[in-house]
Amino acid sequence: MEVVTPAPLFTRKNVVYAGATLCCLLWGSSYPAIKNGYEIFQIATDDIPSKIIFAGYRFLFAGALLLLFALAQRKPIARLNARQFGQLTILGLTQTSIQYAIFYIGLSFTTGGKGSIMNATGTFFSVLLAHFIYQNDKLSYNKTLGCVLGFAGVMLVNFSHSLTDFSFVWRGDGFVVLAAFILSAATLYGKRISQTVDPTVMTGWQLAIGGLALVAGGYLSGGTLTFHGVESVAVLGYLTLLSSVAFALWSTLLKYNRVSMIAPFNFVIPVAGTVLSAIFLGENIMEWKYAVALVLVCTGIRWVNKQKG
């Protein structure tokens, strides 16, 4: 009788998949945390400047936390030349400040469901841009099919009767798509920077710079942020921690792996965000569409990373 040896669990690919999934689960958990944060900080639905301040402090503190962590590891957080610091400034302003501000403006002029779907186009942008930038990351049938399946899962999660009457508003839907494109391009730019700057240091500086710009822009636009007890500190602390862990891990994964291998995991975010929001906000999740969406997303990720032959 032939003995079949089981495949090892902790292969490099499995570790990468687990890390990417963890990042997306953390980002997905930010949806209910942010919603609770708006309620705790008493931020009105249409108060975009105050929301930007809230996001700015989250990223500023996350960046500072990562830089302190890098310092504890004896990494040179200040040993940057003028060119590297300029690159990190551009990365922080695009990936964090501009992208987030445009996304929130767009989200205020469209529905949450359509916003999630439009934002998921960022995965297509990442895979397409990688095709033109990296020789070892060309577009293929598997990658295209995987992205389509993942996108179908995102659409299914957000399906409602209101989405059957499709309309496209540039200031709303267009801004969300533009934010997704900026994030994809900035992510690829960050991958290039990470070849010469430690990913933790790079992420720490870009989050801190981008967060500081958001805080300044929010206050200059008339926004305010008032802490209300321990709950406000706790929710901002959680968002700070998840941002620092997720962004640092994601940057590390992108440094050592193909963009098209990592980017499709972004489809997990809206699915996880919807399910976790339902759990923590007391909404109903006992619907077949969540299970089917998760299957579509996982199948899409598998197809993107399927080896030839």
Protein backbone atom coordinates (compact mmCIF):
# COMPACT_ATOMS: atom_id res chain seq x y z
CA MET A 1 0.00 0.00 0.00
CA GLU A 2 1.35 3.38 -0.97
CA VAL A 3 1.70 5.80 1.93
CA VAL A 4 0.60 9.33 1.06
CA THR A 5 2.57 11.95 2.92
CA PRO A 6 0.42 14.99 3.75
CA ALA A 7 1.64 18.32 2.47
CA PRO A 8 3.35 20.44 5.15
CA LEU A 9 1.07 23.00 6.74
CA PHE A 10 3.60 25.78 7.21
CA THR A 11 4.81 26.22 3.66
CA ARG A 12 5.95 29.65 2.51
CA LYS A 13 2.83 30.07 0.36
CA ASN A 14 0.49 29.13 3.22
CA VAL A 15 2.22 31.60 5.53
CA VAL A 16 1.84 34.33 2.91
CA TYR A 17 -1.85 33.48 2.44
CA ALA A 18 -2.43 33.49 6.21
CA GLY A 19 -0.69 36.85 6.57
CA ALA A 20 -2.67 38.44 3.73
CA THR A 21 -5.94 37.04 5.11
CA LEU A 22 -5.12 38.39 8.58
CA CYS A 23 -4.52 41.86 7.14
CA CYS A 24 -7.86 41.83 5.35
CA LEU A 25 -9.73 40.52 8.40
CA LEU A 26 -8.21 43.33 10.47
CA TRP A 27 -9.20 45.93 7.86
CA GLY A 28 -12.65 44.35 7.68
CA SER A 29 -13.02 44.71 11.44
CA SER A 30 -12.36 48.43 11.09
CA TYR A 31 -15.84 48.92 9.55
CA PRO A 32 -17.81 48.25 12.76
CA ALA A 33 -15.08 49.92 14.84
CA ILE A 34 -15.29 53.11 12.76
CA LYS A 35 -19.10 53.11 12.92
CA ASN A 36 -18.93 52.76 16.70
CA GLY A 37 -16.25 55.44 16.77
CA TYR A 38 -18.49 57.94 15.00
CA GLU A 39 -21.20 57.28 17.56
CA ILE A 40 -18.86 57.49 20.56
CA PHE A 41 -17.14 60.67 19.31
CA GLN A 42 -20.58 62.06 18.34
CA ILE A 43 -19.57 62.76 14.73
CA ALA A 44 -22.53 63.55 12.48
CA THR A 45 -23.06 61.56 9.28
CA ASP A 46 -22.42 64.56 7.01
CA ASP A 47 -19.49 65.94 9.06
CA ILE A 48 -16.69 64.96 6.65
CA PRO A 49 -13.97 67.23 8.19
CA SER A 50 -14.42 65.63 11.64
CA LYS A 51 -14.34 62.16 10.09
CA ILE A 52 -11.06 63.07 8.38
CA ILE A 53 -9.62 64.25 11.71
CA PHE A 54 -10.69 60.96 13.30
CA ALA A 55 -8.97 59.02 10.50
CA GLY A 56 -5.93 61.29 10.69
CA TYR A 57 -5.32 60.60 14.37
CA ARG A 58 -5.77 56.87 13.71
CA PHE A 59 -3.05 56.83 11.06
CA LEU A 60 -0.79 59.32 12.86
CA PHE A 61 -0.78 57.23 16.04
CA ALA A 62 -0.38 54.00 14.02
CA GLY A 63 2.66 55.45 12.29
CA ALA A 64 4.17 56.62 15.58
CA LEU A 65 3.56 53.17 17.10
CA LEU A 66 5.34 51.47 14.20
CA LEU A 67 8.30 53.83 14.42
CA LEU A 68 8.60 53.14 18.16
CA PHE A 69 8.46 49.40 17.42
CA ALA A 70 11.18 49.76 14.79
CA LEU A 71 13.25 51.79 17.23
CA ALA A 72 12.92 49.04 19.85
CA GLN A 73 14.25 46.61 17.23
CA ARG A 74 17.22 48.95 16.73
CA LYS A 75 16.21 49.78 13.19
CA PRO A 76 17.48 53.14 11.88
CA ILE A 77 14.23 55.10 11.65
CA ALA A 78 15.96 58.46 11.04
CA ARG A 79 18.81 57.30 8.84
CA LEU A 80 17.15 58.44 5.63
CA ASN A 81 18.64 60.53 2.88
CA ALA A 82 16.76 63.44 1.31
CA ARG A 83 15.58 61.29 -1.62
CA GLN A 84 14.18 58.55 0.62
CA PHE A 85 12.39 61.03 2.89
CA GLY A 86 10.91 62.70 -0.18
CA GLN A 87 9.67 59.30 -1.42
CA LEU A 88 8.08 58.53 1.96
CA THR A 89 6.40 61.96 1.98
CA ILE A 90 4.92 61.36 -1.47
CA LEU A 91 3.80 57.88 -0.40
CA GLY A 92 2.16 59.17 2.80
CA LEU A 93 0.34 62.01 1.06
CA THR A 94 -0.97 59.79 -1.76
CA GLN A 95 -1.61 56.44 -0.07
CA THR A 96 -3.04 57.89 3.14
CA SER A 97 -4.02 61.57 2.85
CA ILE A 98 -5.26 62.17 -0.70
CA GLN A 99 -6.69 58.68 -1.19
CA TYR A 100 -8.60 58.73 2.09
CA ALA A 101 -9.95 62.28 1.59
CA ILE A 102 -11.17 61.52 -1.95
CA PHE A 103 -12.70 58.22 -0.77
CA TYR A 104 -14.70 59.94 1.98
CA ILE A 105 -15.93 62.69 -0.33
CA GLY A 106 -17.05 60.04 -2.80
CA LEU A 107 -18.69 57.94 -0.12
CA SER A 108 -20.78 60.91 0.98
CA PHE A 109 -22.35 61.08 -2.51
CA THR A 110 -23.08 57.38 -3.04
CA THR A 111 -24.52 54.45 -1.11
CA GLY A 112 -22.42 52.20 1.13
CA GLY A 113 -23.11 49.17 -1.07
CA LYS A 114 -22.09 50.86 -4.29
CA GLY A 115 -19.10 52.38 -2.54
CA SER A 116 -17.84 48.94 -1.50
CA ILE A 117 -18.24 47.62 -5.04
CA MET A 118 -16.53 50.61 -6.64
CA ASN A 119 -13.71 50.45 -4.08
CA ALA A 120 -13.12 46.78 -4.97
CA THR A 121 -12.01 47.90 -8.44
CA GLY A 122 -8.68 48.68 -6.77
CA THR A 123 -7.75 45.01 -7.04
CA PHE A 124 -8.18 45.15 -10.82
CA PHE A 125 -6.02 48.28 -10.94
CA SER A 126 -3.26 46.59 -8.89
CA VAL A 127 -3.17 43.49 -11.10
CA LEU A 128 -3.31 45.58 -14.31
CA LEU A 129 -0.60 48.03 -13.22
CA ALA A 130 1.65 45.16 -12.11
CA HIS A 131 1.27 43.69 -15.63
CA PHE A 132 2.90 46.78 -17.14
CA ILE A 133 5.50 47.38 -14.40
CA TYR A 134 6.85 43.92 -13.47
CA GLN A 135 8.13 41.36 -15.97
CA ASN A 136 7.30 38.43 -13.66
CA ASP A 137 3.73 39.57 -12.95
CA LYS A 138 2.02 39.51 -16.35
CA LEU A 139 -1.73 39.25 -16.74
CA SER A 140 -3.06 35.76 -17.48
CA TYR A 141 -6.34 33.89 -17.91
CA ASN A 142 -6.16 32.60 -14.32
CA LYS A 143 -5.59 36.08 -12.88
CA THR A 144 -8.42 37.59 -14.91
CA LEU A 145 -10.86 34.83 -13.97
CA GLY A 146 -9.85 35.05 -10.30
CA CYS A 147 -10.39 38.81 -10.18
CA VAL A 148 -13.80 38.49 -11.86
CA LEU A 149 -14.89 35.81 -9.36
CA GLY A 150 -13.70 37.89 -6.41
CA PHE A 151 -15.45 40.98 -7.72
CA ALA A 152 -18.64 38.94 -8.17
CA GLY A 153 -18.43 37.97 -4.50
CA VAL A 154 -18.15 41.61 -3.46
CA MET A 155 -21.14 42.53 -5.63
CA LEU A 156 -23.19 39.69 -4.14
CA VAL A 157 -22.51 40.82 -0.56
CA ASN A 158 -23.74 44.31 -1.40
CA PHE A 159 -26.63 43.22 -3.61
CA SER A 160 -29.92 44.95 -3.01
CA HIS A 161 -32.83 46.07 -5.13
CA SER A 162 -31.44 49.60 -5.19
CA LEU A 163 -28.38 48.37 -7.12
CA THR A 164 -30.49 46.98 -9.96
CA ASP A 165 -31.08 50.53 -11.22
CA PHE A 166 -27.47 51.33 -12.02
CA SER A 167 -26.35 54.96 -12.17
CA PHE A 168 -22.89 56.48 -12.05
CA VAL A 169 -22.28 59.79 -10.30
CA TRP A 170 -18.79 61.14 -10.87
CA ARG A 171 -18.60 63.07 -7.59
CA GLY A 172 -19.69 59.95 -5.72
CA ASP A 173 -18.94 56.68 -7.53
CA GLY A 174 -16.21 58.29 -9.65
CA PHE A 175 -14.35 59.60 -6.62
CA VAL A 176 -14.44 56.15 -4.97
CA VAL A 177 -12.97 54.57 -8.12
CA LEU A 178 -10.36 57.36 -8.32
CA ALA A 179 -9.40 56.69 -4.68
CA ALA A 180 -9.04 52.98 -5.47
CA PHE A 181 -6.74 53.77 -8.40
CA ILE A 182 -4.61 56.14 -6.29
CA LEU A 183 -4.31 53.49 -3.56
CA SER A 184 -3.28 50.82 -6.10
CA ALA A 185 -0.66 53.04 -7.72
CA ALA A 186 0.67 54.17 -4.33
CA THR A 187 0.88 50.55 -3.15
CA LEU A 188 3.07 49.65 -6.13
CA TYR A 189 5.18 52.74 -5.45
CA GLY A 190 5.53 51.58 -1.84
CA LYS A 191 6.69 48.15 -3.04
CA ARG A 192 9.53 49.86 -4.89
CA ILE A 193 10.51 51.96 -1.87
CA SER A 194 10.50 48.86 0.38
CA GLN A 195 13.44 47.47 -1.59
CA THR A 196 15.69 50.14 -0.06
CA VAL A 197 13.83 51.07 3.16
CA ASP A 198 12.74 48.60 5.85
CA PRO A 199 8.97 47.92 5.43
CA THR A 200 8.19 48.74 9.08
CA VAL A 201 10.09 52.02 8.92
CA MET A 202 8.56 52.87 5.54
CA THR A 203 5.01 52.14 6.74
CA GLY A 204 5.54 54.03 9.99
CA TRP A 205 6.71 57.19 8.25
CA GLN A 206 4.08 57.12 5.50
CA LEU A 207 1.23 56.61 7.99
CA ALA A 208 2.54 59.33 10.30
CA ILE A 209 3.03 61.84 7.48
CA GLY A 210 -0.28 61.02 5.84
CA GLY A 211 -2.13 61.04 9.16
CA LEU A 212 -0.66 64.41 10.15
CA ALA A 213 -1.78 65.90 6.83
CA LEU A 214 -5.32 64.53 7.36
CA VAL A 215 -5.50 65.99 10.88
CA ALA A 216 -4.33 69.40 9.65
CA GLY A 217 -6.71 69.34 6.67
CA GLY A 218 -9.65 68.30 8.85
CA TYR A 219 -9.13 71.10 11.36
CA LEU A 220 -8.56 73.68 8.59
CA SER A 221 -11.87 72.56 7.04
CA GLY A 222 -13.74 73.26 10.27
CA GLY A 223 -13.78 69.79 11.82
CA THR A 224 -13.49 68.99 15.53
CA LEU A 225 -12.86 65.89 17.62
CA THR A 226 -13.79 65.59 21.29
CA PHE A 227 -12.94 62.56 23.45
CA HIS A 228 -15.82 61.15 25.53
CA GLY A 229 -14.48 58.86 28.24
CA VAL A 230 -12.61 55.56 28.11
CA GLU A 231 -14.67 54.18 25.21
CA SER A 232 -13.36 56.81 22.81
CA VAL A 233 -9.76 56.03 23.80
CA ALA A 234 -10.42 52.29 23.43
CA VAL A 235 -11.92 52.47 19.93
CA LEU A 236 -9.21 54.81 18.66
CA GLY A 237 -6.60 52.57 20.28
CA TYR A 238 -7.97 49.50 18.53
CA LEU A 239 -8.05 51.25 15.15
CA THR A 240 -4.49 52.45 15.72
CA LEU A 241 -3.28 48.95 16.57
CA LEU A 242 -5.00 47.20 13.66
CA SER A 243 -3.74 49.83 11.21
CA SER A 244 -0.14 49.52 12.35
CA VAL A 245 -0.17 45.70 12.26
CA ALA A 246 -2.08 45.34 8.99
CA PHE A 247 -0.22 48.00 7.01
CA ALA A 248 3.23 46.86 8.18
CA LEU A 249 2.48 43.20 7.43
CA TRP A 250 0.95 44.05 4.04
CA SER A 251 4.02 46.11 3.07
CA THR A 252 6.29 43.22 4.05
CA LEU A 253 4.24 40.74 2.02
CA LEU A 254 4.33 43.01 -1.03
CA LYS A 255 8.09 43.44 -0.74
CA TYR A 256 8.78 39.72 -1.14
CA ASN A 257 5.85 38.59 -3.32
CA ARG A 258 4.17 39.40 -6.62
CA VAL A 259 1.49 42.09 -6.49
CA SER A 260 -1.06 39.86 -8.25
CA MET A 261 -0.51 37.18 -5.59
CA ILE A 262 -1.39 39.52 -2.72
CA ALA A 263 -3.83 42.08 -4.20
CA PRO A 264 -6.83 39.72 -4.71
CA PHE A 265 -7.04 39.19 -0.94
CA ASN A 266 -8.51 42.70 -0.85
CA PHE A 267 -11.78 41.12 -1.95
CA VAL A 268 -11.96 39.59 1.55
CA ILE A 269 -12.24 43.05 3.15
CA PRO A 270 -15.83 44.00 2.17
CA VAL A 271 -17.06 40.46 2.86
CA ALA A 272 -15.38 40.38 6.28
CA GLY A 273 -16.46 43.95 6.98
CA THR A 274 -20.10 43.18 6.22
CA VAL A 275 -20.16 40.00 8.32
CA LEU A 276 -18.26 41.53 11.26
CA SER A 277 -20.45 44.65 11.16
CA ALA A 278 -23.51 42.42 11.32
CA ILE A 279 -22.08 40.47 14.28
CA PHE A 280 -20.95 43.45 16.34
CA LEU A 281 -23.76 45.81 15.35
CA GLY A 282 -26.52 43.21 15.82
CA GLU A 283 -27.53 42.90 12.17
CA ASN A 284 -28.82 39.76 10.48
CA ILE A 285 -26.16 37.66 8.69
CA MET A 286 -28.15 34.44 8.28
CA GLU A 287 -28.38 34.87 4.51
CA TRP A 288 -27.13 32.55 1.78
CA LYS A 289 -25.42 35.38 -0.08
CA TYR A 290 -22.67 35.70 2.56
CA ALA A 291 -21.66 32.05 2.22
CA VAL A 292 -21.74 32.18 -1.58
CA ALA A 293 -19.78 35.45 -1.62
CA LEU A 294 -17.08 33.95 0.60
CA VAL A 295 -16.82 30.91 -1.70
CA LEU A 296 -16.52 33.18 -4.76
CA VAL A 297 -13.81 35.30 -3.13
CA CYS A 298 -11.79 32.29 -1.99
CA THR A 299 -12.17 30.60 -5.39
CA GLY A 300 -11.04 33.81 -7.09
CA ILE A 301 -7.93 34.02 -4.90
CA ARG A 302 -7.16 30.37 -5.66
CA TRP A 303 -7.45 30.94 -9.42
CA VAL A 304 -5.20 34.01 -9.33
CA ASN A 305 -2.47 32.01 -7.59
CA LYS A 306 -3.02 28.77 -9.51
CA GLN A 307 0.18 27.48 -11.10
CA LYS A 308 0.28 26.66 -14.79
CA GLY A 309 0.00 23.00 -15.66
